C-alpha cells in the first residue's frame, strides 16, 4: 500500500455536498482507503478570479492503485459529478476538481501527472487544509506546516462542520 495526498475543490452547485460525494466515490475502502480528511475551507478563486469562491479540502489515502491509475479514478469521479474538462476554461468554475498532490515520496514527470504537484507550494487553498491533516509531512524537502506559514492565508476561511 502507498500513501497519497489529494486536494479537492469546487464552486458550482452545493460544493460541500458534491465534495462529500467525491470523497465517498474515491475512497471505496479497498483500493483507496481514507486515512484523514481536512475541514472544508471557503477560498477565493485562484488564476481566474472572476468567479464564485471555492470550497476546498484535502485528504490522505492509502491505496493499491498506481499513481496514474489513482489520477484516472479521480478524473472518473470528476466526470461522474458533472465536470467536463473539454468544455471549461482553465482555472474556471467547476463542480469538482481533484488533484493528486503527492504519492509516497515519488517524483514523477509525465505528460499526464507531475509529482509532487508543481504548484503545491503556491496555493494557500491547498496548503491550509493539507497542513491540518499532515503538518509534519515533508514534500520536496519542505515541511507542510512550515510551508503554510510562508504564504498568505488571511482570505482562507475554515467552514463549520455540517
N, C-alpha and C. Protein backbone atom coordinates (compact mmCIF):
# COMPACT_ATOMS: atom_id res chain seq x y z
N UNK A 1 0.84 -1.18 0.00
CA UNK A 1 0.00 0.00 0.00
C UNK A 1 0.88 1.24 0.00
N UNK A 2 0.42 2.23 -0.73
CA UNK A 2 1.10 3.52 -0.80
C UNK A 2 0.21 4.59 -0.18
N UNK A 3 0.81 5.69 0.24
CA UNK A 3 0.04 6.80 0.77
C UNK A 3 0.06 7.94 -0.24
N UNK A 4 -1.11 8.50 -0.49
CA UNK A 4 -1.24 9.62 -1.42
C UNK A 4 -1.99 10.75 -0.74
N UNK A 5 -1.70 11.96 -1.20
CA UNK A 5 -2.39 13.16 -0.73
C UNK A 5 -3.11 13.75 -1.92
N UNK A 6 -4.38 14.11 -1.72
CA UNK A 6 -5.18 14.68 -2.79
C UNK A 6 -5.85 15.95 -2.32
N UNK A 7 -6.04 16.88 -3.25
CA UNK A 7 -6.76 18.12 -2.99
C UNK A 7 -8.05 18.08 -3.79
N UNK A 8 -9.14 18.52 -3.18
CA UNK A 8 -10.44 18.57 -3.83
C UNK A 8 -11.00 19.97 -3.70
N UNK A 9 -11.68 20.42 -4.73
CA UNK A 9 -12.30 21.74 -4.69
C UNK A 9 -13.42 21.84 -5.70
N UNK A 10 -14.26 22.83 -5.49
CA UNK A 10 -15.35 23.10 -6.42
C UNK A 10 -16.07 24.37 -6.05
N UNK A 11 -16.78 24.93 -7.04
CA UNK A 11 -17.55 26.16 -6.77
C UNK A 11 -18.83 26.23 -7.59
N UNK A 12 -19.31 25.11 -8.08
CA UNK A 12 -20.56 25.06 -8.83
C UNK A 12 -21.51 24.11 -8.11
N UNK A 13 -22.71 24.57 -7.83
CA UNK A 13 -23.67 23.74 -7.11
C UNK A 13 -23.41 23.77 -5.62
N UNK A 14 -23.92 22.76 -4.92
CA UNK A 14 -23.70 22.63 -3.48
C UNK A 14 -22.33 21.98 -3.29
N UNK A 15 -21.30 22.80 -3.31
CA UNK A 15 -19.92 22.29 -3.33
C UNK A 15 -19.61 21.38 -2.16
N UNK A 16 -20.08 21.67 -1.00
CA UNK A 16 -19.77 20.82 0.15
C UNK A 16 -20.37 19.42 -0.03
N UNK A 17 -21.60 19.36 -0.49
CA UNK A 17 -22.24 18.06 -0.72
C UNK A 17 -21.55 17.32 -1.87
N UNK A 18 -21.19 18.05 -2.92
CA UNK A 18 -20.51 17.43 -4.05
C UNK A 18 -19.16 16.88 -3.63
N UNK A 19 -18.42 17.62 -2.82
CA UNK A 19 -17.11 17.15 -2.38
C UNK A 19 -17.23 15.98 -1.40
N UNK A 20 -18.27 15.98 -0.57
CA UNK A 20 -18.53 14.82 0.29
C UNK A 20 -18.72 13.58 -0.58
N UNK A 21 -19.50 13.75 -1.63
CA UNK A 21 -19.75 12.64 -2.56
C UNK A 21 -18.47 12.22 -3.27
N UNK A 22 -17.65 13.18 -3.65
CA UNK A 22 -16.38 12.87 -4.32
C UNK A 22 -15.49 12.01 -3.42
N UNK A 23 -15.38 12.39 -2.15
CA UNK A 23 -14.56 11.62 -1.21
C UNK A 23 -15.11 10.20 -1.09
N UNK A 24 -16.41 10.07 -0.97
CA UNK A 24 -17.04 8.74 -0.85
C UNK A 24 -16.80 7.91 -2.12
N UNK A 25 -16.88 8.53 -3.28
CA UNK A 25 -16.68 7.81 -4.53
C UNK A 25 -15.21 7.41 -4.71
N UNK A 26 -14.30 8.26 -4.29
CA UNK A 26 -12.86 7.95 -4.40
C UNK A 26 -12.45 6.83 -3.45
N UNK A 27 -12.96 6.89 -2.24
CA UNK A 27 -12.49 6.02 -1.17
C UNK A 27 -13.44 4.85 -0.97
N UNK A 28 -13.16 3.76 -1.68
CA UNK A 28 -14.01 2.58 -1.59
C UNK A 28 -13.65 1.68 -0.40
N UNK A 29 -12.58 2.00 0.32
CA UNK A 29 -12.17 1.20 1.46
C UNK A 29 -11.38 -0.04 1.08
N UNK A 30 -11.22 -0.29 -0.21
CA UNK A 30 -10.49 -1.46 -0.68
C UNK A 30 -9.23 -1.02 -1.42
N UNK A 31 -9.40 -0.40 -2.58
CA UNK A 31 -8.23 0.07 -3.34
C UNK A 31 -7.80 1.46 -2.91
N UNK A 32 -8.71 2.21 -2.33
CA UNK A 32 -8.40 3.54 -1.80
C UNK A 32 -9.09 3.67 -0.45
N UNK A 33 -8.28 3.76 0.60
CA UNK A 33 -8.80 3.84 1.96
C UNK A 33 -8.51 5.24 2.53
N UNK A 34 -9.53 5.89 3.03
CA UNK A 34 -9.38 7.23 3.61
C UNK A 34 -8.65 7.13 4.95
N UNK A 35 -7.56 7.89 5.07
CA UNK A 35 -6.81 7.96 6.32
C UNK A 35 -7.14 9.22 7.11
N UNK A 36 -7.29 10.34 6.40
CA UNK A 36 -7.57 11.62 7.06
C UNK A 36 -8.25 12.55 6.07
N UNK A 37 -9.11 13.40 6.61
CA UNK A 37 -9.79 14.41 5.80
C UNK A 37 -9.74 15.73 6.55
N UNK A 38 -9.40 16.78 5.83
CA UNK A 38 -9.37 18.11 6.46
C UNK A 38 -10.78 18.65 6.60
N UNK A 39 -10.87 19.76 7.26
CA UNK A 39 -12.10 20.54 7.27
C UNK A 39 -12.34 21.07 5.86
N UNK A 40 -13.53 21.58 5.63
CA UNK A 40 -13.83 22.31 4.40
C UNK A 40 -13.42 23.76 4.61
N UNK A 41 -12.91 24.38 3.55
CA UNK A 41 -12.47 25.78 3.60
C UNK A 41 -13.09 26.56 2.45
N UNK A 42 -13.57 27.76 2.74
CA UNK A 42 -14.00 28.69 1.69
C UNK A 42 -12.77 29.47 1.28
N UNK A 43 -12.51 29.47 -0.03
CA UNK A 43 -11.30 30.10 -0.54
C UNK A 43 -11.62 30.96 -1.75
N UNK A 44 -10.85 32.00 -1.95
CA UNK A 44 -11.07 32.82 -3.15
C UNK A 44 -10.60 32.06 -4.39
N UNK A 45 -11.18 32.38 -5.55
CA UNK A 45 -10.71 31.72 -6.78
C UNK A 45 -9.26 32.08 -7.05
N UNK A 46 -8.57 31.17 -7.70
CA UNK A 46 -7.15 31.30 -8.00
C UNK A 46 -6.97 31.23 -9.50
N UNK A 47 -6.11 32.05 -10.05
CA UNK A 47 -5.91 32.03 -11.50
C UNK A 47 -6.93 32.91 -12.19
N UNK A 48 -8.12 32.38 -12.41
CA UNK A 48 -9.23 33.12 -12.99
C UNK A 48 -10.09 33.61 -11.83
N UNK A 49 -9.97 34.88 -11.47
CA UNK A 49 -10.61 35.38 -10.24
C UNK A 49 -12.05 35.87 -10.45
N UNK A 50 -12.55 35.86 -11.68
CA UNK A 50 -13.90 36.33 -11.97
C UNK A 50 -14.89 35.17 -11.86
N UNK A 51 -15.09 34.69 -10.63
CA UNK A 51 -16.00 33.57 -10.37
C UNK A 51 -16.25 33.48 -8.87
N UNK A 52 -17.16 32.61 -8.50
CA UNK A 52 -17.55 32.42 -7.10
C UNK A 52 -16.40 31.81 -6.29
N UNK A 53 -16.43 32.02 -4.98
CA UNK A 53 -15.45 31.37 -4.11
C UNK A 53 -15.55 29.84 -4.24
N UNK A 54 -14.49 29.18 -3.86
CA UNK A 54 -14.43 27.72 -3.88
C UNK A 54 -14.58 27.15 -2.48
N UNK A 55 -14.92 25.89 -2.42
CA UNK A 55 -14.78 25.09 -1.21
C UNK A 55 -13.64 24.12 -1.52
N UNK A 56 -12.67 24.05 -0.61
CA UNK A 56 -11.52 23.18 -0.79
C UNK A 56 -11.30 22.31 0.44
N UNK A 57 -10.71 21.16 0.22
CA UNK A 57 -10.33 20.26 1.29
C UNK A 57 -9.21 19.37 0.79
N UNK A 58 -8.54 18.68 1.70
CA UNK A 58 -7.52 17.71 1.33
C UNK A 58 -7.78 16.40 2.05
N UNK A 59 -7.34 15.32 1.42
CA UNK A 59 -7.45 14.00 2.05
C UNK A 59 -6.11 13.27 1.93
N UNK A 60 -5.86 12.41 2.90
CA UNK A 60 -4.76 11.46 2.85
C UNK A 60 -5.39 10.09 2.69
N UNK A 61 -4.86 9.32 1.75
CA UNK A 61 -5.40 7.99 1.49
C UNK A 61 -4.27 6.96 1.44
N UNK A 62 -4.66 5.73 1.67
CA UNK A 62 -3.79 4.59 1.45
C UNK A 62 -4.35 3.89 0.23
N UNK A 63 -3.49 3.52 -0.72
CA UNK A 63 -4.01 2.98 -1.97
C UNK A 63 -3.14 1.87 -2.54
N UNK A 64 -3.79 0.95 -3.25
CA UNK A 64 -3.08 -0.07 -4.02
C UNK A 64 -2.95 0.37 -5.48
N UNK A 65 -3.61 1.47 -5.84
CA UNK A 65 -3.55 1.97 -7.21
C UNK A 65 -2.21 2.65 -7.48
N UNK A 66 -1.69 2.46 -8.67
CA UNK A 66 -0.51 3.19 -9.11
C UNK A 66 -0.89 4.66 -9.30
N UNK A 67 0.09 5.56 -9.32
CA UNK A 67 -0.23 6.99 -9.42
C UNK A 67 -1.15 7.35 -10.60
N UNK A 68 -0.86 6.86 -11.79
CA UNK A 68 -1.70 7.21 -12.94
C UNK A 68 -3.08 6.59 -12.84
N UNK A 69 -3.18 5.42 -12.24
CA UNK A 69 -4.50 4.80 -12.02
C UNK A 69 -5.30 5.61 -11.00
N UNK A 70 -4.64 6.14 -9.98
CA UNK A 70 -5.31 6.98 -8.99
C UNK A 70 -5.81 8.26 -9.65
N UNK A 71 -4.98 8.86 -10.51
CA UNK A 71 -5.41 10.05 -11.25
C UNK A 71 -6.60 9.73 -12.15
N UNK A 72 -6.57 8.60 -12.83
CA UNK A 72 -7.69 8.20 -13.70
C UNK A 72 -8.96 8.04 -12.88
N UNK A 73 -8.85 7.45 -11.70
CA UNK A 73 -10.02 7.30 -10.83
C UNK A 73 -10.55 8.68 -10.42
N UNK A 74 -9.64 9.60 -10.08
CA UNK A 74 -10.05 10.95 -9.72
C UNK A 74 -10.79 11.61 -10.87
N UNK A 75 -10.30 11.46 -12.08
CA UNK A 75 -10.96 12.05 -13.26
C UNK A 75 -12.31 11.39 -13.52
N UNK A 76 -12.43 10.09 -13.27
CA UNK A 76 -13.73 9.41 -13.40
C UNK A 76 -14.74 9.99 -12.42
N UNK A 77 -14.29 10.25 -11.19
CA UNK A 77 -15.17 10.83 -10.17
C UNK A 77 -15.59 12.24 -10.60
N UNK A 78 -14.64 13.04 -11.07
CA UNK A 78 -14.97 14.39 -11.55
C UNK A 78 -16.06 14.33 -12.62
N UNK A 79 -15.89 13.44 -13.61
CA UNK A 79 -16.88 13.32 -14.69
C UNK A 79 -18.24 12.89 -14.14
N UNK A 80 -18.23 11.93 -13.22
CA UNK A 80 -19.49 11.46 -12.64
C UNK A 80 -20.22 12.57 -11.89
N UNK A 81 -19.46 13.55 -11.42
CA UNK A 81 -20.05 14.68 -10.67
C UNK A 81 -20.31 15.89 -11.57
N UNK A 82 -20.21 15.71 -12.87
CA UNK A 82 -20.62 16.75 -13.81
C UNK A 82 -19.52 17.59 -14.40
N UNK A 83 -18.26 17.26 -14.16
CA UNK A 83 -17.18 18.06 -14.73
C UNK A 83 -16.90 17.61 -16.16
N UNK A 84 -16.75 18.59 -17.03
CA UNK A 84 -16.37 18.33 -18.42
C UNK A 84 -15.15 19.18 -18.73
N UNK A 85 -13.97 18.62 -18.54
CA UNK A 85 -12.72 19.36 -18.72
C UNK A 85 -12.60 19.97 -20.11
N UNK A 86 -13.15 19.30 -21.12
CA UNK A 86 -13.04 19.78 -22.51
C UNK A 86 -13.85 21.06 -22.74
N UNK A 87 -14.88 21.30 -21.93
CA UNK A 87 -15.76 22.44 -22.13
C UNK A 87 -15.53 23.59 -21.16
N UNK A 88 -14.56 23.50 -20.27
CA UNK A 88 -14.37 24.55 -19.28
C UNK A 88 -13.15 25.39 -19.59
N UNK A 89 -13.12 26.58 -18.98
CA UNK A 89 -11.94 27.43 -19.14
C UNK A 89 -10.94 27.10 -18.03
N UNK A 90 -9.68 27.30 -18.33
CA UNK A 90 -8.64 26.98 -17.36
C UNK A 90 -8.85 27.78 -16.08
N UNK A 91 -8.77 27.07 -14.97
CA UNK A 91 -8.96 27.63 -13.62
C UNK A 91 -10.34 28.26 -13.44
N UNK A 92 -11.29 27.87 -14.27
CA UNK A 92 -12.64 28.41 -14.19
C UNK A 92 -13.53 27.61 -13.24
N UNK A 93 -14.83 27.95 -13.24
CA UNK A 93 -15.78 27.26 -12.37
C UNK A 93 -15.84 25.77 -12.68
N UNK A 94 -16.09 24.98 -11.63
CA UNK A 94 -16.21 23.53 -11.80
C UNK A 94 -16.94 22.92 -10.63
N UNK A 95 -17.60 21.81 -10.89
CA UNK A 95 -18.31 21.09 -9.82
C UNK A 95 -17.30 20.43 -8.89
N UNK A 96 -16.29 19.79 -9.47
CA UNK A 96 -15.29 19.09 -8.66
C UNK A 96 -13.96 19.06 -9.40
N UNK A 97 -12.93 19.37 -8.67
CA UNK A 97 -11.57 19.29 -9.18
C UNK A 97 -10.79 18.45 -8.17
N UNK A 98 -10.12 17.42 -8.66
CA UNK A 98 -9.36 16.54 -7.78
C UNK A 98 -7.94 16.44 -8.31
N UNK A 99 -6.98 16.84 -7.48
CA UNK A 99 -5.57 16.80 -7.85
C UNK A 99 -4.83 15.83 -6.95
N UNK A 100 -3.97 15.04 -7.55
CA UNK A 100 -3.04 14.21 -6.78
C UNK A 100 -1.84 15.10 -6.47
N UNK A 101 -1.60 15.33 -5.19
CA UNK A 101 -0.53 16.22 -4.76
C UNK A 101 0.79 15.51 -4.55
N UNK A 102 0.72 14.33 -3.96
CA UNK A 102 1.91 13.55 -3.65
C UNK A 102 1.52 12.09 -3.54
N UNK A 103 2.47 11.23 -3.83
CA UNK A 103 2.27 9.78 -3.78
C UNK A 103 3.54 9.21 -3.18
N UNK A 104 3.45 8.76 -1.92
CA UNK A 104 4.64 8.38 -1.16
C UNK A 104 5.67 9.49 -1.33
N UNK A 105 6.91 9.15 -1.62
CA UNK A 105 7.94 10.15 -1.87
C UNK A 105 8.34 10.16 -3.33
N UNK A 106 7.43 9.70 -4.17
CA UNK A 106 7.70 9.56 -5.59
C UNK A 106 7.83 10.90 -6.30
N UNK A 107 8.81 10.99 -7.17
CA UNK A 107 8.95 12.12 -8.09
C UNK A 107 8.62 11.58 -9.47
N UNK A 108 7.71 12.24 -10.15
CA UNK A 108 7.22 11.77 -11.44
C UNK A 108 6.98 12.97 -12.34
N UNK A 109 7.34 12.86 -13.60
CA UNK A 109 7.09 13.95 -14.55
C UNK A 109 6.68 13.32 -15.88
N UNK A 110 5.37 13.19 -16.07
CA UNK A 110 4.82 12.64 -17.31
C UNK A 110 3.89 13.70 -17.89
N UNK A 111 3.46 13.52 -19.14
CA UNK A 111 2.50 14.48 -19.71
C UNK A 111 1.19 14.56 -18.92
N UNK A 112 0.81 13.48 -18.23
CA UNK A 112 -0.46 13.44 -17.51
C UNK A 112 -0.36 13.77 -16.02
N UNK A 113 0.80 13.55 -15.43
CA UNK A 113 0.91 13.71 -13.98
C UNK A 113 2.34 14.09 -13.60
N UNK A 114 2.43 15.15 -12.78
CA UNK A 114 3.71 15.56 -12.20
C UNK A 114 3.57 15.46 -10.69
N UNK A 115 4.52 14.77 -10.07
CA UNK A 115 4.52 14.61 -8.61
C UNK A 115 5.89 14.97 -8.07
N UNK A 116 5.92 15.67 -6.94
CA UNK A 116 4.77 16.30 -6.30
C UNK A 116 4.14 17.35 -7.22
N UNK A 117 2.90 17.73 -6.90
CA UNK A 117 2.18 18.70 -7.72
C UNK A 117 3.04 19.96 -7.88
N UNK A 118 3.22 20.44 -9.11
CA UNK A 118 4.16 21.54 -9.35
C UNK A 118 3.79 22.88 -8.73
N UNK A 119 2.52 23.11 -8.41
CA UNK A 119 2.12 24.39 -7.82
C UNK A 119 1.66 24.26 -6.37
N UNK A 120 1.97 23.14 -5.77
CA UNK A 120 1.55 22.85 -4.40
C UNK A 120 1.91 23.98 -3.44
N UNK A 121 3.14 24.48 -3.50
CA UNK A 121 3.60 25.46 -2.52
C UNK A 121 3.21 26.90 -2.85
N UNK A 122 2.48 27.09 -3.96
CA UNK A 122 1.97 28.42 -4.33
C UNK A 122 0.52 28.61 -3.91
N UNK A 123 -0.14 27.58 -3.48
CA UNK A 123 -1.58 27.61 -3.32
C UNK A 123 -2.01 27.45 -1.86
N UNK A 124 -2.41 28.56 -1.27
CA UNK A 124 -2.89 28.52 0.11
C UNK A 124 -4.11 27.63 0.24
N UNK A 125 -4.95 27.59 -0.79
CA UNK A 125 -6.16 26.77 -0.72
C UNK A 125 -5.85 25.28 -0.66
N UNK A 126 -4.62 24.91 -0.96
CA UNK A 126 -4.17 23.52 -0.81
C UNK A 126 -3.37 23.38 0.49
N UNK A 127 -2.46 24.30 0.73
CA UNK A 127 -1.58 24.17 1.90
C UNK A 127 -2.33 24.24 3.23
N UNK A 128 -3.33 25.09 3.34
CA UNK A 128 -4.05 25.22 4.62
C UNK A 128 -4.74 23.91 5.00
N UNK A 129 -5.58 23.33 4.13
CA UNK A 129 -6.18 22.05 4.52
C UNK A 129 -5.17 20.92 4.65
N UNK A 130 -4.13 20.95 3.84
CA UNK A 130 -3.10 19.91 3.92
C UNK A 130 -2.37 19.99 5.26
N UNK A 131 -2.06 21.21 5.70
CA UNK A 131 -1.38 21.39 6.99
C UNK A 131 -2.24 20.92 8.15
N UNK A 132 -3.55 20.97 7.98
CA UNK A 132 -4.45 20.48 9.03
C UNK A 132 -4.28 18.98 9.25
N UNK A 133 -4.08 18.22 8.17
CA UNK A 133 -4.04 16.76 8.31
C UNK A 133 -2.64 16.16 8.32
N UNK A 134 -1.66 16.83 7.69
CA UNK A 134 -0.29 16.28 7.65
C UNK A 134 0.75 17.38 7.83
N UNK A 135 0.71 18.11 8.95
CA UNK A 135 1.63 19.25 9.12
C UNK A 135 3.11 18.85 9.12
N UNK A 136 3.41 17.63 9.52
CA UNK A 136 4.81 17.20 9.60
C UNK A 136 5.30 16.49 8.35
N UNK A 137 4.43 16.31 7.38
CA UNK A 137 4.82 15.63 6.14
C UNK A 137 5.79 16.52 5.36
N UNK A 138 6.86 15.92 4.88
CA UNK A 138 7.85 16.62 4.08
C UNK A 138 7.65 16.23 2.62
N UNK A 139 7.46 17.24 1.79
CA UNK A 139 7.31 17.05 0.35
C UNK A 139 8.32 17.95 -0.33
N UNK A 140 9.08 17.37 -1.24
CA UNK A 140 10.11 18.13 -1.97
C UNK A 140 11.01 18.92 -1.02
N UNK A 141 11.33 18.31 0.12
CA UNK A 141 12.23 18.94 1.07
C UNK A 141 11.61 20.00 1.96
N UNK A 142 10.29 20.20 1.85
CA UNK A 142 9.63 21.23 2.66
C UNK A 142 8.57 20.61 3.56
N UNK A 143 8.58 20.99 4.82
CA UNK A 143 7.58 20.53 5.78
C UNK A 143 6.30 21.35 5.54
N UNK A 144 5.18 20.67 5.39
CA UNK A 144 3.91 21.33 5.07
C UNK A 144 3.55 22.38 6.11
N UNK A 145 3.72 22.06 7.39
CA UNK A 145 3.39 23.02 8.45
C UNK A 145 4.21 24.29 8.38
N UNK A 146 5.43 24.20 7.89
CA UNK A 146 6.28 25.38 7.72
C UNK A 146 5.93 26.12 6.43
N UNK A 147 5.63 25.38 5.39
CA UNK A 147 5.31 25.99 4.09
C UNK A 147 4.06 26.86 4.19
N UNK A 148 3.09 26.44 4.98
CA UNK A 148 1.85 27.21 5.09
C UNK A 148 2.10 28.55 5.78
N UNK A 149 3.10 28.61 6.63
CA UNK A 149 3.43 29.86 7.32
C UNK A 149 4.05 30.89 6.38
N UNK A 150 4.57 30.43 5.26
CA UNK A 150 5.26 31.32 4.32
C UNK A 150 4.35 31.86 3.22
N UNK A 151 3.06 31.59 3.32
CA UNK A 151 2.12 32.00 2.27
C UNK A 151 0.96 32.76 2.92
N UNK A 152 0.38 33.70 2.20
CA UNK A 152 -0.74 34.47 2.74
C UNK A 152 -2.00 33.62 2.85
N UNK A 153 -2.57 33.57 4.05
CA UNK A 153 -3.75 32.73 4.27
C UNK A 153 -4.93 33.50 4.86
N UNK A 154 -4.84 34.82 4.89
CA UNK A 154 -5.88 35.61 5.56
C UNK A 154 -7.24 35.50 4.89
N UNK A 155 -7.28 35.12 3.61
CA UNK A 155 -8.57 35.03 2.92
C UNK A 155 -9.10 33.60 2.83
N UNK A 156 -8.54 32.69 3.64
CA UNK A 156 -8.98 31.30 3.69
C UNK A 156 -9.82 31.14 4.96
N UNK A 157 -11.06 30.71 4.81
CA UNK A 157 -11.96 30.58 5.96
C UNK A 157 -12.36 29.13 6.19
N UNK A 158 -12.04 28.64 7.38
CA UNK A 158 -12.46 27.28 7.76
C UNK A 158 -13.98 27.29 7.97
N UNK A 159 -14.67 26.36 7.35
CA UNK A 159 -16.11 26.27 7.49
C UNK A 159 -16.48 25.35 8.66
N UNK A 160 -17.55 25.67 9.33
CA UNK A 160 -18.01 24.84 10.44
C UNK A 160 -18.52 23.52 9.90
N UNK A 161 -18.36 22.45 10.68
CA UNK A 161 -18.91 21.16 10.24
C UNK A 161 -20.41 21.26 10.05
N UNK A 162 -20.92 20.45 9.14
CA UNK A 162 -22.37 20.46 8.91
C UNK A 162 -23.04 19.35 9.67
